[in-house]
N, C-alpha and C. Protein backbone atom coordinates (compact mmCIF):
# COMPACT_ATOMS: atom_id res chain seq x y z
N UNK A 1 -33.81 -45.22 78.66
CA UNK A 1 -32.46 -45.00 78.56
C UNK A 1 -31.87 -46.64 78.60
N UNK A 2 -32.32 -47.05 79.45
CA UNK A 2 -32.07 -48.48 79.84
C UNK A 2 -32.10 -49.24 78.34
N UNK A 3 -33.29 -49.17 77.68
CA UNK A 3 -33.69 -49.79 76.66
C UNK A 3 -32.69 -49.58 75.48
N UNK A 4 -32.32 -48.42 75.35
CA UNK A 4 -31.12 -47.87 74.12
C UNK A 4 -29.94 -48.66 74.63
N UNK A 5 -29.55 -48.54 75.86
CA UNK A 5 -28.19 -49.46 76.14
C UNK A 5 -28.31 -50.95 75.88
N UNK A 6 -29.32 -51.65 76.56
CA UNK A 6 -29.73 -52.86 75.89
C UNK A 6 -29.58 -53.45 74.41
N UNK A 7 -30.25 -52.24 73.67
CA UNK A 7 -30.04 -52.60 72.07
C UNK A 7 -28.28 -52.25 71.80
N UNK A 8 -28.08 -51.36 72.78
CA UNK A 8 -26.48 -51.25 71.84
C UNK A 8 -25.43 -52.40 72.21
N UNK A 9 -25.62 -53.12 73.17
CA UNK A 9 -25.42 -53.98 74.08
C UNK A 9 -25.68 -55.05 72.90
N UNK A 10 -26.59 -55.53 72.19
CA UNK A 10 -26.99 -56.52 71.28
C UNK A 10 -26.43 -56.07 70.17
N UNK A 11 -26.41 -54.62 69.29
CA UNK A 11 -25.71 -54.43 68.39
C UNK A 11 -23.92 -54.92 68.69
N UNK A 12 -23.65 -54.62 69.76
CA UNK A 12 -22.01 -54.73 70.09
C UNK A 12 -21.56 -56.17 69.78
N UNK A 13 -22.75 -57.24 70.27
CA UNK A 13 -22.47 -58.63 70.17
C UNK A 13 -22.38 -59.07 68.72
N UNK A 14 -23.05 -58.68 67.74
CA UNK A 14 -22.85 -58.82 66.48
C UNK A 14 -21.57 -58.28 65.63
N UNK A 15 -21.43 -56.88 66.06
CA UNK A 15 -20.13 -55.97 65.76
C UNK A 15 -19.16 -57.00 66.15
N UNK A 16 -18.96 -57.66 67.35
CA UNK A 16 -17.89 -58.22 67.75
C UNK A 16 -17.56 -59.51 66.61
N UNK A 17 -18.73 -60.18 66.74
CA UNK A 17 -18.63 -61.35 65.63
C UNK A 17 -18.29 -60.95 64.23
N UNK A 18 -18.50 -60.08 63.68
CA UNK A 18 -18.46 -59.62 62.21
C UNK A 18 -16.49 -58.96 62.36
N UNK A 19 -16.25 -58.62 63.68
CA UNK A 19 -15.03 -57.84 63.54
C UNK A 19 -13.90 -58.86 63.50
N UNK A 20 -14.14 -60.02 64.65
CA UNK A 20 -13.52 -61.18 64.56
C UNK A 20 -13.12 -61.68 63.03
N UNK A 21 -14.39 -61.72 62.17
CA UNK A 21 -14.19 -62.36 60.86
C UNK A 21 -13.26 -61.36 60.13
N UNK A 22 -13.72 -60.00 60.33
CA UNK A 22 -13.06 -59.47 59.26
C UNK A 22 -11.26 -59.35 59.56
N UNK A 23 -10.91 -59.44 61.00
CA UNK A 23 -9.57 -59.61 61.34
C UNK A 23 -8.94 -60.46 60.49
N UNK A 24 -9.49 -61.85 60.33
CA UNK A 24 -8.89 -62.72 59.43
C UNK A 24 -8.72 -62.05 58.26
N UNK A 25 -9.80 -61.62 57.43
CA UNK A 25 -9.46 -61.32 56.40
C UNK A 25 -8.48 -60.09 55.96
N UNK A 26 -8.35 -59.19 56.88
CA UNK A 26 -7.85 -57.89 56.71
C UNK A 26 -6.16 -58.73 56.68
N UNK A 27 -5.90 -59.64 57.50
CA UNK A 27 -4.87 -60.02 58.00
C UNK A 27 -4.09 -60.89 56.57
N UNK A 28 -4.93 -61.58 55.98
CA UNK A 28 -4.47 -62.14 54.78
C UNK A 28 -4.18 -61.26 53.61
N UNK A 29 -5.13 -60.12 53.53
CA UNK A 29 -5.11 -58.99 52.52
C UNK A 29 -3.74 -58.47 53.07
N UNK A 30 -3.32 -58.17 54.31
CA UNK A 30 -1.95 -57.28 54.40
C UNK A 30 -0.96 -58.21 54.04
N UNK A 31 -1.03 -59.76 54.25
CA UNK A 31 0.00 -60.45 53.92
C UNK A 31 0.23 -60.37 52.02
N UNK A 32 -0.81 -60.14 51.64
CA UNK A 32 -0.57 -59.66 50.24
C UNK A 32 0.06 -58.60 49.97
N UNK A 33 -0.28 -57.43 50.75
CA UNK A 33 0.52 -56.02 50.68
C UNK A 33 1.56 -56.24 50.88
N UNK A 34 2.12 -56.99 52.03
CA UNK A 34 3.70 -57.18 52.34
C UNK A 34 4.50 -57.77 51.28
N UNK A 35 3.77 -59.01 50.95
CA UNK A 35 4.38 -59.77 49.67
C UNK A 35 4.60 -58.98 48.21
N UNK A 36 3.60 -57.94 48.17
CA UNK A 36 3.68 -57.08 46.90
C UNK A 36 5.00 -56.07 47.19
N UNK A 37 5.00 -55.69 48.00
CA UNK A 37 6.03 -54.74 48.41
C UNK A 37 7.50 -55.14 48.55
N UNK A 38 7.57 -56.75 49.00
CA UNK A 38 8.95 -57.11 49.14
C UNK A 38 9.42 -57.44 47.61
N UNK A 39 8.10 -58.02 46.79
CA UNK A 39 8.38 -58.18 45.15
C UNK A 39 8.53 -57.30 44.47
N UNK A 40 8.59 -55.93 45.09
CA UNK A 40 8.87 -54.50 44.16
C UNK A 40 7.29 -54.43 43.32
N UNK A 41 6.28 -54.74 43.72
CA UNK A 41 4.92 -54.38 43.03
C UNK A 41 4.13 -53.77 43.64
N UNK A 42 4.55 -52.77 44.75
CA UNK A 42 3.94 -52.41 45.55
C UNK A 42 3.06 -51.10 44.89
N UNK A 43 3.79 -50.75 44.03
CA UNK A 43 3.10 -49.67 43.26
C UNK A 43 1.67 -49.75 42.69
N UNK A 44 1.46 -51.09 42.52
CA UNK A 44 0.52 -51.29 41.27
C UNK A 44 -0.63 -51.50 42.37
N UNK A 45 -1.44 -50.76 42.70
CA UNK A 45 -2.56 -50.59 43.61
C UNK A 45 -3.64 -50.55 43.09
N UNK A 46 -4.90 -51.07 43.43
CA UNK A 46 -6.41 -50.57 42.87
C UNK A 46 -7.10 -49.87 44.25
N UNK A 47 -8.08 -49.41 43.98
CA UNK A 47 -8.97 -48.74 44.88
C UNK A 47 -9.85 -49.72 45.49
N UNK A 48 -10.10 -50.10 46.50
CA UNK A 48 -10.95 -50.96 47.26
C UNK A 48 -11.93 -49.87 47.89
N UNK A 49 -13.22 -50.30 47.43
CA UNK A 49 -14.45 -49.72 47.72
C UNK A 49 -14.83 -49.64 49.17
N UNK A 50 -14.83 -51.18 49.53
CA UNK A 50 -15.16 -51.33 50.51
C UNK A 50 -14.12 -50.95 51.82
N UNK A 51 -13.05 -50.65 51.57
CA UNK A 51 -12.19 -50.05 53.00
C UNK A 51 -12.13 -48.51 52.25
N UNK A 52 -12.69 -47.91 51.21
CA UNK A 52 -12.12 -46.76 50.94
C UNK A 52 -10.58 -46.41 50.90
N UNK A 53 -9.77 -47.55 50.30
CA UNK A 53 -8.30 -47.28 50.53
C UNK A 53 -7.63 -47.93 49.11
N UNK A 54 -6.17 -47.65 49.13
CA UNK A 54 -5.72 -48.00 47.84
C UNK A 54 -5.10 -49.29 48.45
N UNK A 55 -5.18 -50.68 48.04
CA UNK A 55 -4.61 -51.81 48.14
C UNK A 55 -4.06 -52.39 46.79
N UNK A 56 -3.09 -53.09 46.94
CA UNK A 56 -2.23 -53.80 46.01
C UNK A 56 -3.19 -54.76 45.22
N UNK A 57 -2.74 -54.93 44.10
CA UNK A 57 -3.39 -56.08 43.58
C UNK A 57 -3.24 -57.41 43.99
N UNK A 58 -1.90 -57.54 44.32
CA UNK A 58 -1.78 -59.10 45.16
C UNK A 58 -2.50 -59.10 46.53
N UNK A 59 -2.59 -58.05 47.07
CA UNK A 59 -3.43 -58.35 48.59
C UNK A 59 -4.90 -58.48 48.21
N UNK A 60 -5.22 -57.70 47.19
CA UNK A 60 -6.84 -57.72 46.77
C UNK A 60 -6.90 -59.15 46.10
N UNK A 61 -6.16 -59.91 45.39
CA UNK A 61 -6.32 -61.25 45.15
C UNK A 61 -6.42 -62.24 46.11
N UNK A 62 -5.35 -62.15 47.02
CA UNK A 62 -5.39 -63.16 48.21
C UNK A 62 -6.91 -62.95 48.90
N UNK A 63 -7.03 -61.56 49.02
CA UNK A 63 -8.62 -61.22 49.84
C UNK A 63 -9.41 -61.99 49.29
N UNK A 64 -9.71 -61.80 47.93
CA UNK A 64 -10.78 -62.61 46.71
C UNK A 64 -10.62 -63.96 47.37
N UNK A 65 -9.49 -64.81 46.96
CA UNK A 65 -9.25 -66.01 47.43
C UNK A 65 -9.55 -66.58 48.59
N UNK A 66 -9.55 -65.98 49.46
CA UNK A 66 -9.72 -66.04 51.01
C UNK A 66 -11.44 -65.94 50.90
N UNK A 67 -12.15 -65.14 50.52
CA UNK A 67 -13.56 -65.14 50.31
C UNK A 67 -13.88 -66.11 49.66
N UNK A 68 -13.49 -66.62 48.67
CA UNK A 68 -13.75 -67.77 47.90
C UNK A 68 -13.88 -69.35 48.79
N UNK A 69 -12.89 -69.20 49.84
CA UNK A 69 -12.61 -70.43 50.46
C UNK A 69 -13.67 -70.23 51.57
N UNK A 70 -13.64 -69.01 51.99
CA UNK A 70 -14.71 -69.03 53.23
C UNK A 70 -16.00 -69.45 52.79
N UNK A 71 -16.64 -68.88 51.77
CA UNK A 71 -17.95 -69.12 51.34
C UNK A 71 -17.83 -71.00 50.86
N UNK A 72 -16.52 -71.38 50.38
CA UNK A 72 -16.91 -72.87 49.89
C UNK A 72 -16.92 -73.89 51.16
N UNK A 73 -16.40 -73.31 52.37
CA UNK A 73 -16.39 -74.08 53.68
C UNK A 73 -17.63 -73.39 54.35
N UNK A 74 -18.60 -73.05 53.71
CA UNK A 74 -19.62 -72.35 54.45
C UNK A 74 -19.60 -71.57 55.60
N UNK A 75 -18.29 -70.71 55.65
CA UNK A 75 -18.51 -69.56 56.50
C UNK A 75 -19.13 -68.93 56.69
N UNK A 76 -20.29 -68.32 55.74
CA UNK A 76 -21.20 -67.39 55.76
C UNK A 76 -22.40 -68.20 57.12
N UNK A 77 -22.70 -69.37 56.79
CA UNK A 77 -23.22 -70.38 57.55
C UNK A 77 -22.95 -70.36 58.84
N UNK A 78 -21.46 -70.22 59.03
CA UNK A 78 -21.12 -70.36 60.57
C UNK A 78 -21.44 -69.30 61.19
N UNK A 79 -21.34 -67.88 60.50
CA UNK A 79 -21.46 -66.68 60.90
C UNK A 79 -23.14 -66.53 61.29
N UNK A 80 -23.91 -67.41 60.85
CA UNK A 80 -25.39 -67.18 61.25
C UNK A 80 -25.57 -68.22 62.24
N UNK A 81 -24.66 -69.24 62.45
CA UNK A 81 -24.74 -70.37 63.41
C UNK A 81 -24.09 -69.56 64.65
N UNK A 82 -22.78 -68.61 64.71
CA UNK A 82 -22.38 -68.05 65.89
C UNK A 82 -23.85 -66.84 66.16
N UNK A 83 -24.16 -66.22 65.43
CA UNK A 83 -25.16 -65.40 66.05
C UNK A 83 -26.57 -66.28 66.40
N UNK A 84 -26.67 -67.02 66.11
CA UNK A 84 -27.83 -68.19 67.01
C UNK A 84 -27.05 -68.54 68.16
N UNK A 85 -25.99 -68.77 68.04
CA UNK A 85 -25.62 -69.03 69.69
C UNK A 85 -25.40 -68.11 69.98
N UNK A 86 -24.99 -66.97 70.08
CA UNK A 86 -25.17 -65.84 71.01
C UNK A 86 -26.72 -65.81 71.79
N UNK A 87 -27.57 -66.06 70.80
CA UNK A 87 -29.08 -65.95 71.43
C UNK A 87 -29.16 -66.56 72.58
N UNK A 88 -28.38 -67.99 72.18
CA UNK A 88 -28.61 -69.36 73.25
C UNK A 88 -27.82 -68.51 74.61
N UNK A 89 -26.58 -68.48 74.42
CA UNK A 89 -25.85 -68.34 75.32
C UNK A 89 -25.87 -67.23 76.16
N UNK A 90 -26.46 -65.82 75.63
CA UNK A 90 -26.51 -64.67 76.39
C UNK A 90 -27.80 -64.15 76.09
N UNK A 91 -28.72 -64.41 77.56
CA UNK A 91 -29.99 -63.53 77.27
C UNK A 91 -30.17 -62.56 76.90
N UNK A 92 -31.39 -62.54 76.42
CA UNK A 92 -31.81 -61.05 75.62
C UNK A 92 -31.33 -60.09 76.73
N UNK A 93 -30.82 -58.74 76.23
CA UNK A 93 -30.26 -57.53 76.75
C UNK A 93 -29.56 -58.07 78.10
N UNK A 94 -28.72 -59.40 78.05
CA UNK A 94 -27.67 -59.57 79.07
C UNK A 94 -26.14 -59.62 78.52
N UNK A 95 -25.89 -58.64 77.64
CA UNK A 95 -24.48 -58.43 76.97
C UNK A 95 -23.63 -57.14 78.16
N UNK A 96 -22.81 -58.01 78.66
CA UNK A 96 -22.11 -57.07 79.65
C UNK A 96 -20.23 -57.12 79.24
N UNK A 97 -19.88 -55.67 79.16
CA UNK A 97 -18.35 -55.82 78.50
C UNK A 97 -17.53 -56.25 80.24
N UNK A 98 -16.30 -57.17 79.54
CA UNK A 98 -15.48 -57.76 80.85
C UNK A 98 -14.23 -57.62 80.33
N UNK A 99 -13.49 -58.27 81.17
CA UNK A 99 -11.97 -57.97 80.67
C UNK A 99 -11.55 -59.51 79.77
N UNK A 100 -12.13 -60.26 79.92
CA UNK A 100 -11.94 -61.69 78.94
C UNK A 100 -12.65 -60.90 77.79
N UNK A 101 -13.50 -60.38 77.33
CA UNK A 101 -13.93 -59.89 75.94
C UNK A 101 -13.03 -58.90 75.38
N UNK A 102 -12.43 -58.02 76.33
CA UNK A 102 -11.00 -57.19 75.53
C UNK A 102 -10.27 -57.97 75.25
N UNK A 103 -9.66 -58.71 76.22
CA UNK A 103 -8.66 -59.46 76.08
C UNK A 103 -8.58 -60.45 74.75
N UNK A 104 -10.08 -60.89 74.27
CA UNK A 104 -10.13 -61.65 73.71
C UNK A 104 -10.28 -61.31 72.03
N UNK A 105 -10.51 -59.88 71.88
CA UNK A 105 -10.78 -58.79 70.77
C UNK A 105 -9.40 -58.19 70.73
N UNK A 106 -8.22 -58.06 71.61
CA UNK A 106 -6.96 -57.61 71.47
C UNK A 106 -6.05 -59.18 70.79
N UNK A 107 -6.37 -60.20 71.27
CA UNK A 107 -5.92 -61.41 70.29
C UNK A 107 -6.38 -61.48 69.09
N UNK A 108 -7.68 -61.15 68.78
CA UNK A 108 -8.09 -61.40 67.46
C UNK A 108 -7.74 -60.06 66.87
N UNK A 109 -7.19 -59.03 67.19
CA UNK A 109 -6.43 -58.16 66.49
C UNK A 109 -5.10 -58.14 66.09
N UNK A 110 -4.47 -58.98 66.83
CA UNK A 110 -3.00 -59.09 66.58
C UNK A 110 -2.96 -60.43 65.29
N UNK A 111 -4.05 -60.66 65.34
CA UNK A 111 -3.83 -62.06 64.41
C UNK A 111 -3.82 -61.30 62.84
N UNK A 112 -4.05 -59.98 62.70
CA UNK A 112 -3.86 -59.59 61.35
C UNK A 112 -2.21 -59.18 61.39
N UNK A 113 -1.43 -59.17 62.15
CA UNK A 113 -0.03 -58.88 62.00
C UNK A 113 0.56 -60.48 62.16
N UNK A 114 -0.22 -61.38 62.84
CA UNK A 114 0.76 -62.62 62.64
C UNK A 114 0.09 -63.29 61.61
N UNK A 115 -0.86 -63.36 60.98
CA UNK A 115 -1.35 -63.93 59.62
C UNK A 115 -0.54 -63.22 58.71
N UNK A 116 -0.23 -62.09 58.61
CA UNK A 116 0.52 -61.30 57.32
C UNK A 116 1.97 -61.76 57.56
N UNK A 117 2.39 -61.85 58.70
CA UNK A 117 3.76 -62.40 58.57
C UNK A 117 4.09 -64.19 57.93
N UNK A 118 2.95 -64.74 58.65
CA UNK A 118 2.67 -66.22 58.13
C UNK A 118 2.56 -66.33 56.73
N UNK A 119 1.52 -65.71 56.20
CA UNK A 119 1.37 -66.04 55.08
C UNK A 119 2.49 -65.16 53.73
N UNK A 120 3.18 -64.29 54.28
CA UNK A 120 3.93 -64.08 53.46
C UNK A 120 5.39 -64.32 53.55
N UNK A 121 5.51 -65.31 54.46
CA UNK A 121 6.90 -65.80 54.90
C UNK A 121 7.50 -66.28 53.73
N UNK A 122 7.14 -67.10 52.79
CA UNK A 122 7.57 -67.71 52.14
C UNK A 122 8.39 -66.79 51.12
N UNK A 123 7.67 -65.71 50.58
CA UNK A 123 8.08 -64.67 49.42
C UNK A 123 9.11 -63.96 50.37
N UNK A 124 8.75 -63.68 51.19
CA UNK A 124 9.73 -63.02 51.92
C UNK A 124 11.38 -63.44 52.40
N UNK A 125 11.08 -64.56 52.89
CA UNK A 125 12.24 -65.60 52.92
C UNK A 125 13.08 -65.73 51.69
N UNK A 126 12.69 -66.56 50.49
CA UNK A 126 13.07 -66.59 49.17
C UNK A 126 13.47 -65.44 48.69
N UNK A 127 13.28 -63.88 48.95
CA UNK A 127 13.42 -62.60 48.30
C UNK A 127 14.67 -62.22 48.92
N UNK A 128 14.87 -62.36 50.22
CA UNK A 128 16.19 -62.45 51.08
C UNK A 128 17.35 -62.86 50.34
N UNK A 129 16.98 -64.30 50.12
CA UNK A 129 18.12 -64.95 49.33
C UNK A 129 18.37 -64.25 47.83
N UNK A 130 17.34 -63.91 47.38
CA UNK A 130 17.51 -63.24 45.91
C UNK A 130 18.36 -62.39 46.11
N UNK A 131 17.83 -61.40 46.86
CA UNK A 131 18.51 -60.15 46.87
C UNK A 131 19.97 -60.37 47.17
N UNK A 132 20.38 -61.37 48.43
CA UNK A 132 21.71 -61.60 48.46
C UNK A 132 22.53 -62.35 47.75
N UNK A 133 21.81 -63.09 46.83
CA UNK A 133 22.54 -63.45 45.82
C UNK A 133 22.90 -62.49 44.47
N UNK A 134 21.68 -61.28 44.21
CA UNK A 134 22.10 -60.18 43.43
C UNK A 134 23.19 -59.54 44.10
N UNK A 135 23.33 -59.09 45.37
CA UNK A 135 24.27 -58.45 46.18
C UNK A 135 25.67 -58.73 45.53
N UNK A 136 26.06 -60.28 45.68
CA UNK A 136 27.08 -60.70 45.45
C UNK A 136 27.32 -60.72 43.85
N UNK A 137 25.99 -61.05 43.09
CA UNK A 137 26.55 -60.74 41.56
C UNK A 137 26.98 -59.26 41.29
N UNK A 138 26.45 -58.32 41.96
CA UNK A 138 26.96 -57.14 41.96
C UNK A 138 28.21 -56.57 42.21
N UNK A 139 28.79 -57.40 43.29
CA UNK A 139 30.20 -57.10 43.64
C UNK A 139 30.98 -57.83 42.53
N UNK A 140 30.63 -59.07 42.22
CA UNK A 140 31.60 -59.78 41.15
C UNK A 140 31.41 -59.57 39.63
N UNK A 141 30.45 -59.00 39.33
CA UNK A 141 30.37 -58.74 37.72
C UNK A 141 29.62 -57.06 37.95
N UNK A 142 30.56 -56.09 38.05
CA UNK A 142 29.92 -55.11 38.14
C UNK A 142 29.72 -54.19 36.60
N UNK A 143 29.79 -54.95 35.77
CA UNK A 143 29.26 -54.34 34.23
C UNK A 143 27.68 -54.82 34.44
N UNK A 144 27.28 -55.67 35.12
CA UNK A 144 25.79 -55.85 35.12
C UNK A 144 25.04 -54.56 35.78
N UNK A 145 23.92 -54.34 35.14
CA UNK A 145 22.92 -53.05 35.97
C UNK A 145 22.15 -53.77 36.66
N UNK A 146 22.38 -53.74 38.31
CA UNK A 146 21.45 -54.72 38.84
C UNK A 146 20.26 -54.22 39.19
N UNK A 147 19.97 -52.72 38.95
CA UNK A 147 18.72 -52.45 39.18
C UNK A 147 17.82 -53.04 38.04
N UNK A 148 18.21 -52.91 36.90
CA UNK A 148 17.31 -53.81 35.79
C UNK A 148 17.05 -55.16 35.94
N UNK A 149 18.43 -55.74 36.18
CA UNK A 149 17.97 -57.23 36.13
C UNK A 149 17.54 -57.53 37.65
N UNK A 150 18.03 -57.07 38.77
CA UNK A 150 17.39 -57.30 39.90
C UNK A 150 15.81 -57.09 39.93
N UNK A 151 15.07 -56.01 39.45
CA UNK A 151 13.92 -56.12 39.35
C UNK A 151 13.04 -56.89 39.00
N UNK A 152 13.64 -57.08 37.82
CA UNK A 152 13.11 -58.52 36.81
C UNK A 152 13.05 -60.00 37.55
N UNK A 153 14.00 -60.44 37.88
CA UNK A 153 14.13 -61.32 38.71
C UNK A 153 13.64 -61.13 40.23
N UNK A 154 13.54 -60.33 40.96
CA UNK A 154 12.58 -60.45 42.14
C UNK A 154 11.29 -60.54 41.85
N UNK A 155 10.62 -59.84 40.77
CA UNK A 155 9.27 -60.26 40.68
C UNK A 155 8.81 -61.52 40.43
N UNK A 156 9.75 -62.07 39.10
CA UNK A 156 9.60 -63.36 38.47
C UNK A 156 9.59 -64.39 39.79
N UNK A 157 10.69 -64.17 40.43
CA UNK A 157 10.71 -64.93 41.86
C UNK A 157 9.75 -65.11 42.72
N UNK A 158 9.22 -64.15 42.88
CA UNK A 158 8.24 -63.64 43.80
C UNK A 158 6.71 -64.35 43.44
N UNK A 159 6.41 -64.17 42.21
CA UNK A 159 5.21 -65.08 41.67
C UNK A 159 5.30 -66.29 41.41
N UNK A 160 6.91 -66.75 41.37
CA UNK A 160 6.80 -68.66 41.13
C UNK A 160 6.83 -68.78 42.90
N UNK A 161 7.24 -68.20 43.54
CA UNK A 161 7.15 -68.59 44.85
C UNK A 161 5.64 -68.68 45.47
N UNK A 162 4.81 -67.23 44.98
CA UNK A 162 3.40 -67.59 45.70
C UNK A 162 2.59 -68.39 44.66
N UNK A 163 3.08 -68.72 43.46
CA UNK A 163 2.41 -69.75 42.46
C UNK A 163 2.49 -71.08 43.30
N UNK A 164 3.58 -71.56 43.77
CA UNK A 164 3.79 -72.91 44.42
C UNK A 164 3.14 -72.91 45.80
N UNK A 165 3.16 -71.44 46.75
CA UNK A 165 2.38 -71.72 47.69
C UNK A 165 1.19 -71.45 47.70
N UNK A 166 0.57 -71.40 46.54
CA UNK A 166 -1.36 -71.39 46.46
C UNK A 166 -1.61 -72.64 46.83
N UNK A 167 -1.19 -74.13 46.43
CA UNK A 167 -1.81 -75.17 46.54
C UNK A 167 -1.94 -75.55 48.48
N UNK A 168 -1.04 -74.75 49.10
CA UNK A 168 -1.11 -74.84 50.60
C UNK A 168 -2.04 -73.97 51.48
N UNK A 169 -2.14 -72.83 50.64
CA UNK A 169 -2.56 -71.70 50.92
C UNK A 169 -4.59 -71.97 51.51
N UNK A 170 -4.95 -73.16 50.90
CA UNK A 170 -6.29 -73.23 50.81
C UNK A 170 -6.64 -73.71 52.36
N UNK A 171 -5.80 -74.83 52.52
CA UNK A 171 -5.43 -75.62 53.89
C UNK A 171 -4.88 -74.94 54.90
N UNK A 172 -3.97 -73.88 54.59
CA UNK A 172 -3.93 -72.91 55.78
C UNK A 172 -4.90 -72.05 56.09
N UNK A 173 -5.65 -71.26 55.09
CA UNK A 173 -6.75 -70.49 55.47
C UNK A 173 -7.76 -71.19 56.08
N UNK A 174 -7.98 -72.73 55.80
CA UNK A 174 -8.91 -73.06 56.62
C UNK A 174 -8.81 -73.51 57.75
N UNK A 175 -7.29 -73.73 58.22
CA UNK A 175 -6.77 -73.77 59.61
C UNK A 175 -7.43 -72.77 60.36
N UNK A 176 -6.67 -71.44 59.82
CA UNK A 176 -6.93 -70.12 60.61
C UNK A 176 -8.58 -70.15 60.72
N UNK A 177 -9.36 -70.25 59.73
CA UNK A 177 -10.84 -70.00 59.91
C UNK A 177 -11.35 -71.26 61.36
N UNK A 178 -10.65 -72.42 61.04
CA UNK A 178 -10.99 -73.29 62.46
C UNK A 178 -11.00 -72.79 63.52
N UNK A 179 -9.57 -72.33 63.94
CA UNK A 179 -9.04 -71.39 65.10
C UNK A 179 -9.82 -70.12 65.41
N UNK A 180 -10.38 -69.27 64.23
CA UNK A 180 -11.05 -68.55 64.65
C UNK A 180 -12.56 -68.57 64.91
N UNK A 181 -13.16 -69.88 64.53
CA UNK A 181 -14.41 -70.11 64.72
C UNK A 181 -14.31 -70.68 66.41
N UNK A 182 -13.50 -71.29 66.48
CA UNK A 182 -13.16 -71.41 68.03
C UNK A 182 -12.99 -70.39 69.00
N UNK A 183 -12.44 -69.55 68.77
CA UNK A 183 -12.23 -67.81 69.33
C UNK A 183 -13.43 -67.03 69.58
N UNK A 184 -14.23 -67.32 68.40
CA UNK A 184 -15.67 -66.34 68.40
C UNK A 184 -16.60 -66.85 69.41
N UNK A 185 -16.56 -68.58 69.25
CA UNK A 185 -17.30 -69.11 70.46
C UNK A 185 -17.08 -69.29 71.63
N UNK A 186 -15.78 -68.84 71.83
CA UNK A 186 -15.29 -68.66 73.27
C UNK A 186 -15.50 -67.01 73.72
N UNK A 187 -15.33 -66.21 72.72
CA UNK A 187 -15.85 -64.65 73.02
C UNK A 187 -17.35 -64.78 73.23
N UNK A 188 -18.27 -65.39 72.72
CA UNK A 188 -19.55 -65.38 72.76
C UNK A 188 -19.64 -66.09 74.54
N UNK A 189 -19.01 -67.02 74.67
CA UNK A 189 -19.27 -67.52 76.14
C UNK A 189 -19.04 -66.46 77.36
N UNK A 190 -17.94 -65.35 76.80
CA UNK A 190 -17.20 -64.48 78.08
C UNK A 190 -18.07 -63.44 77.75
N UNK A 191 -18.88 -63.23 76.60
CA UNK A 191 -20.19 -61.98 76.91
C UNK A 191 -20.86 -62.02 78.03
C-alpha cells in the first residue's frame, strides 16, 4: 500500500507541473473567447477535441499562437528541465502535500482569469467606446439601423484592435511564461 501511495505522489508531481502549464494556455484561450463574445462573433465556434468542448475560433487561434511561442522559446525543454529538477529537489517517494503547495496551485489557477482579462482588455476597452459612440449615433440619427451598422462596425474594430495588439502578444506571452517557470520551480521547492 505504501508503494502505491508513493507512486501516486510521483504522478502528482508531474501532474502539478503539467497543470500549471495548462493553466497559462487556458487563460490565453479564454481571453480569445472573451474577446470573441465582445466582438459579437462568439457563435462562430469549433469543436476542440483536446478539451471535448466548443471553443471560439478566435480563442483557438490565440491558443495555437501561444503554443507556437511556447515551442519557439523552448518551453517543451523547460518542462523536461522542470521534471529533471523535481528529481533533484524531491527525493524519490518524498512527495508530501503542504499548505504552500495548495496555495501555489490556487495562485496558478487564478492566472486563468487574470490572463483572460489582461489579454482581452484592449478589445474590451475599445469596444466599450465603440458601443458608446454607436449609442450616441442611435439617439442623434434614429433613421440608421444600429443593429446592422453596429454589428459590422464592432466586428471590424475588434479585428483591427487584435491585429494591432498581435506584435505585443509575443512579448506578453514570453513574460507570462517566465513568471510561470519561476512559479513552477517554487512549487517544486515546496513539494
